[in-house]
N, C-alpha and C. Protein backbone atom coordinates (compact mmCIF):
# COMPACT_ATOMS: atom_id res chain seq x y z
N MET A 1 3.20 2.18 -2.49
CA MET A 1 3.97 0.97 -2.30
C MET A 1 3.67 0.46 -0.90
N LEU A 2 3.35 -0.80 -0.81
CA LEU A 2 3.10 -1.46 0.46
C LEU A 2 4.05 -2.64 0.61
N VAL A 3 4.59 -2.81 1.81
CA VAL A 3 5.36 -4.01 2.14
C VAL A 3 4.59 -4.69 3.26
N LEU A 4 4.06 -5.88 2.95
CA LEU A 4 3.26 -6.63 3.91
C LEU A 4 4.06 -7.78 4.48
N SER A 5 3.66 -8.22 5.65
CA SER A 5 4.29 -9.36 6.30
C SER A 5 4.14 -10.61 5.44
N PRO A 6 5.17 -11.46 5.39
CA PRO A 6 5.03 -12.70 4.62
C PRO A 6 4.02 -13.66 5.26
N LYS A 7 3.63 -13.40 6.49
CA LYS A 7 2.65 -14.24 7.18
C LYS A 7 1.23 -13.88 6.79
N ALA A 8 1.05 -12.82 6.03
CA ALA A 8 -0.29 -12.37 5.63
C ALA A 8 -0.91 -13.37 4.67
N ALA A 9 -2.12 -13.77 4.97
CA ALA A 9 -2.87 -14.66 4.08
C ALA A 9 -3.43 -13.85 2.91
N GLU A 10 -3.86 -14.53 1.88
CA GLU A 10 -4.40 -13.83 0.70
C GLU A 10 -5.61 -12.98 1.07
N GLY A 11 -6.43 -13.46 1.99
CA GLY A 11 -7.59 -12.69 2.45
C GLY A 11 -7.18 -11.41 3.18
N ASP A 12 -6.09 -11.51 3.96
CA ASP A 12 -5.57 -10.33 4.66
C ASP A 12 -5.03 -9.30 3.68
N GLU A 13 -4.36 -9.76 2.64
CA GLU A 13 -3.83 -8.85 1.62
C GLU A 13 -4.96 -8.14 0.90
N LYS A 14 -6.03 -8.85 0.61
CA LYS A 14 -7.19 -8.24 -0.04
C LYS A 14 -7.84 -7.21 0.87
N LYS A 15 -7.89 -7.51 2.18
CA LYS A 15 -8.48 -6.58 3.15
C LYS A 15 -7.72 -5.26 3.18
N ILE A 16 -6.39 -5.34 3.18
CA ILE A 16 -5.56 -4.14 3.20
C ILE A 16 -5.68 -3.40 1.87
N GLY A 17 -5.74 -4.13 0.77
CA GLY A 17 -5.94 -3.50 -0.53
C GLY A 17 -7.26 -2.75 -0.60
N GLU A 18 -8.31 -3.34 -0.05
CA GLU A 18 -9.61 -2.68 -0.03
C GLU A 18 -9.59 -1.45 0.87
N LEU A 19 -8.85 -1.52 1.98
CA LEU A 19 -8.71 -0.36 2.86
C LEU A 19 -8.12 0.82 2.10
N VAL A 20 -7.06 0.56 1.35
CA VAL A 20 -6.41 1.61 0.57
C VAL A 20 -7.37 2.14 -0.49
N LYS A 21 -8.02 1.24 -1.20
CA LYS A 21 -8.92 1.66 -2.28
C LYS A 21 -10.07 2.50 -1.76
N THR A 22 -10.69 2.09 -0.65
CA THR A 22 -11.84 2.83 -0.14
C THR A 22 -11.44 4.19 0.42
N GLN A 23 -10.25 4.30 0.98
CA GLN A 23 -9.82 5.58 1.55
C GLN A 23 -9.40 6.57 0.49
N LEU A 24 -8.78 6.12 -0.58
CA LEU A 24 -8.21 7.03 -1.57
C LEU A 24 -9.00 7.18 -2.86
N THR A 25 -9.86 6.27 -3.17
CA THR A 25 -10.48 6.31 -4.49
C THR A 25 -11.89 6.88 -4.49
N LYS A 26 -12.25 7.68 -3.52
CA LYS A 26 -13.56 8.32 -3.54
C LYS A 26 -13.57 9.29 -4.71
N GLY A 27 -14.22 8.88 -5.79
CA GLY A 27 -14.22 9.69 -7.00
C GLY A 27 -13.07 9.37 -7.93
N GLY A 28 -12.16 8.49 -7.51
CA GLY A 28 -11.01 8.13 -8.33
C GLY A 28 -11.09 6.68 -8.77
N LYS A 29 -9.97 6.17 -9.26
CA LYS A 29 -9.96 4.78 -9.72
C LYS A 29 -8.56 4.20 -9.55
N VAL A 30 -8.52 2.88 -9.49
CA VAL A 30 -7.26 2.16 -9.41
C VAL A 30 -6.79 1.93 -10.85
N VAL A 31 -5.64 2.48 -11.19
CA VAL A 31 -5.11 2.33 -12.54
C VAL A 31 -4.45 0.97 -12.70
N SER A 32 -3.63 0.59 -11.72
CA SER A 32 -2.97 -0.72 -11.79
C SER A 32 -2.59 -1.20 -10.40
N THR A 33 -2.52 -2.50 -10.28
CA THR A 33 -2.06 -3.16 -9.06
C THR A 33 -1.02 -4.18 -9.47
N THR A 34 0.18 -4.06 -8.90
CA THR A 34 1.26 -4.97 -9.24
C THR A 34 1.77 -5.64 -7.97
N HIS A 35 1.85 -6.96 -8.01
CA HIS A 35 2.40 -7.72 -6.90
C HIS A 35 3.79 -8.19 -7.30
N PHE A 36 4.80 -7.71 -6.59
CA PHE A 36 6.17 -8.09 -6.90
C PHE A 36 6.60 -9.36 -6.20
N GLY A 37 5.75 -9.88 -5.34
CA GLY A 37 6.04 -11.13 -4.65
C GLY A 37 6.82 -10.95 -3.38
N LYS A 38 7.26 -12.06 -2.85
CA LYS A 38 8.01 -12.08 -1.60
C LYS A 38 9.48 -11.80 -1.89
N LYS A 39 10.02 -10.81 -1.23
CA LYS A 39 11.42 -10.40 -1.43
C LYS A 39 12.14 -10.34 -0.10
N GLN A 40 13.43 -10.57 -0.15
CA GLN A 40 14.29 -10.44 1.03
C GLN A 40 14.44 -8.96 1.37
N LEU A 41 14.30 -8.60 2.65
CA LEU A 41 14.48 -7.22 3.08
C LEU A 41 15.96 -6.95 3.37
N ALA A 42 16.37 -5.71 3.21
CA ALA A 42 17.77 -5.34 3.48
C ALA A 42 18.09 -5.44 4.95
N TYR A 43 17.10 -5.21 5.79
CA TYR A 43 17.26 -5.32 7.24
C TYR A 43 15.92 -5.74 7.83
N PRO A 44 15.91 -6.39 9.00
CA PRO A 44 14.65 -6.85 9.58
C PRO A 44 13.73 -5.67 9.94
N ILE A 45 12.44 -5.83 9.65
CA ILE A 45 11.43 -4.87 10.04
C ILE A 45 10.38 -5.64 10.83
N LYS A 46 10.14 -5.21 12.06
CA LYS A 46 9.21 -5.90 12.96
C LYS A 46 9.56 -7.39 13.05
N LYS A 47 10.84 -7.68 13.11
CA LYS A 47 11.40 -9.03 13.23
C LYS A 47 11.16 -9.91 12.00
N GLU A 48 10.78 -9.31 10.89
CA GLU A 48 10.57 -10.04 9.64
C GLU A 48 11.77 -9.81 8.72
N LYS A 49 12.21 -10.87 8.04
CA LYS A 49 13.34 -10.77 7.12
C LYS A 49 12.90 -10.74 5.65
N GLU A 50 11.61 -11.01 5.40
CA GLU A 50 11.04 -10.98 4.06
C GLU A 50 9.76 -10.15 4.08
N GLY A 51 9.34 -9.71 2.91
CA GLY A 51 8.10 -8.96 2.80
C GLY A 51 7.46 -9.15 1.45
N ASN A 52 6.14 -9.03 1.39
CA ASN A 52 5.39 -9.07 0.14
C ASN A 52 5.23 -7.64 -0.35
N PHE A 53 5.72 -7.37 -1.55
CA PHE A 53 5.72 -6.02 -2.09
C PHE A 53 4.55 -5.83 -3.06
N TRP A 54 3.81 -4.72 -2.87
CA TRP A 54 2.68 -4.35 -3.72
C TRP A 54 2.83 -2.91 -4.16
N LEU A 55 2.51 -2.64 -5.42
CA LEU A 55 2.51 -1.28 -5.95
C LEU A 55 1.11 -1.00 -6.49
N LEU A 56 0.48 0.04 -5.93
CA LEU A 56 -0.85 0.46 -6.37
C LEU A 56 -0.71 1.82 -7.03
N THR A 57 -1.23 1.96 -8.23
CA THR A 57 -1.24 3.24 -8.92
C THR A 57 -2.68 3.71 -8.99
N LEU A 58 -2.94 4.89 -8.43
CA LEU A 58 -4.29 5.43 -8.35
C LEU A 58 -4.37 6.75 -9.11
N ALA A 59 -5.56 7.07 -9.62
CA ALA A 59 -5.76 8.32 -10.34
C ALA A 59 -6.95 9.06 -9.74
N ASP A 60 -6.88 10.38 -9.76
CA ASP A 60 -7.97 11.24 -9.29
C ASP A 60 -8.38 10.94 -7.86
N CYS A 61 -7.41 10.79 -6.98
CA CYS A 61 -7.68 10.46 -5.58
C CYS A 61 -8.05 11.72 -4.81
N ALA A 62 -9.21 11.68 -4.20
CA ALA A 62 -9.66 12.83 -3.41
C ALA A 62 -9.90 12.41 -1.96
N GLY A 63 -9.40 11.26 -1.58
CA GLY A 63 -9.65 10.74 -0.24
C GLY A 63 -8.79 11.39 0.82
N ASP A 64 -8.97 10.93 2.03
CA ASP A 64 -8.27 11.47 3.19
C ASP A 64 -6.97 10.72 3.40
N ILE A 65 -5.86 11.31 2.99
CA ILE A 65 -4.56 10.65 3.05
C ILE A 65 -4.07 10.52 4.49
N LYS A 66 -4.32 11.52 5.33
CA LYS A 66 -3.90 11.45 6.73
C LYS A 66 -4.60 10.31 7.45
N ASN A 67 -5.88 10.13 7.17
CA ASN A 67 -6.64 9.05 7.77
C ASN A 67 -6.10 7.69 7.32
N LEU A 68 -5.78 7.57 6.04
CA LEU A 68 -5.22 6.33 5.51
C LEU A 68 -3.87 6.03 6.16
N THR A 69 -3.03 7.04 6.30
CA THR A 69 -1.71 6.86 6.93
C THR A 69 -1.87 6.31 8.35
N GLY A 70 -2.79 6.87 9.10
CA GLY A 70 -3.04 6.39 10.46
C GLY A 70 -3.51 4.95 10.49
N LYS A 71 -4.40 4.59 9.56
CA LYS A 71 -4.92 3.21 9.52
C LYS A 71 -3.84 2.22 9.10
N LEU A 72 -3.00 2.60 8.15
CA LEU A 72 -1.91 1.70 7.73
C LEU A 72 -0.89 1.50 8.84
N GLN A 73 -0.63 2.55 9.63
CA GLN A 73 0.30 2.42 10.75
C GLN A 73 -0.22 1.48 11.81
N GLN A 74 -1.53 1.38 11.95
CA GLN A 74 -2.13 0.51 12.96
C GLN A 74 -2.22 -0.95 12.52
N GLU A 75 -2.15 -1.20 11.23
CA GLU A 75 -2.25 -2.57 10.72
C GLU A 75 -0.99 -3.36 11.08
N GLN A 76 -1.16 -4.50 11.70
CA GLN A 76 -0.04 -5.34 12.12
C GLN A 76 0.69 -5.97 10.93
N LEU A 77 -0.03 -6.23 9.86
CA LEU A 77 0.55 -6.92 8.71
C LEU A 77 1.31 -5.98 7.76
N VAL A 78 1.15 -4.67 7.92
CA VAL A 78 1.87 -3.70 7.08
C VAL A 78 3.21 -3.41 7.72
N LEU A 79 4.29 -3.82 7.05
CA LEU A 79 5.62 -3.55 7.58
C LEU A 79 6.05 -2.12 7.26
N ARG A 80 5.87 -1.70 6.02
CA ARG A 80 6.22 -0.34 5.58
C ARG A 80 5.26 0.06 4.46
N PHE A 81 5.11 1.36 4.29
CA PHE A 81 4.34 1.88 3.16
C PHE A 81 4.91 3.23 2.76
N LEU A 82 4.66 3.59 1.52
CA LEU A 82 5.11 4.88 1.00
C LEU A 82 4.03 5.40 0.06
N LEU A 83 3.54 6.60 0.35
CA LEU A 83 2.56 7.25 -0.50
C LEU A 83 3.25 8.40 -1.20
N VAL A 84 3.16 8.44 -2.52
CA VAL A 84 3.76 9.50 -3.31
C VAL A 84 2.65 10.16 -4.12
N LEU A 85 2.50 11.47 -3.93
CA LEU A 85 1.51 12.22 -4.69
C LEU A 85 2.23 13.03 -5.74
N ARG A 86 1.67 13.05 -6.93
CA ARG A 86 2.31 13.82 -7.99
C ARG A 86 1.25 14.63 -8.72
N ASN A 87 1.66 15.75 -9.20
CA ASN A 87 0.80 16.63 -9.96
C ASN A 87 1.00 16.29 -11.43
N GLU A 88 -0.03 15.75 -12.06
CA GLU A 88 0.08 15.31 -13.45
C GLU A 88 0.46 16.45 -14.39
N GLY A 89 0.10 17.68 -14.03
CA GLY A 89 0.46 18.81 -14.88
C GLY A 89 1.96 19.08 -14.91
N LEU A 90 2.66 18.63 -13.88
CA LEU A 90 4.11 18.85 -13.81
C LEU A 90 4.90 17.70 -14.37
N VAL A 91 4.30 16.52 -14.51
CA VAL A 91 5.01 15.34 -15.00
C VAL A 91 4.93 15.31 -16.52
N LYS A 92 6.08 15.13 -17.17
CA LYS A 92 6.12 15.08 -18.64
C LYS A 92 6.34 13.69 -19.13
């Protein structure tokens, strides 16, 4: 899940999406990408009151998650992000 600044242009959103895809999908694939649109935030983040919400579902990710976390933290347009890893063998 990514929350991007509402000031992000479409090209900037694609750049961040490609960053995530290239870092995590080495040998994997993007299952789905969902854009939930611009939503009101519960509290201001980096002085922003709204954010663009994106949900990326990836499969067979063998990339460097620590490296991706560092790069997302450095991006000015990323307000918040959440990476959740799950073991498919445990999910029913």
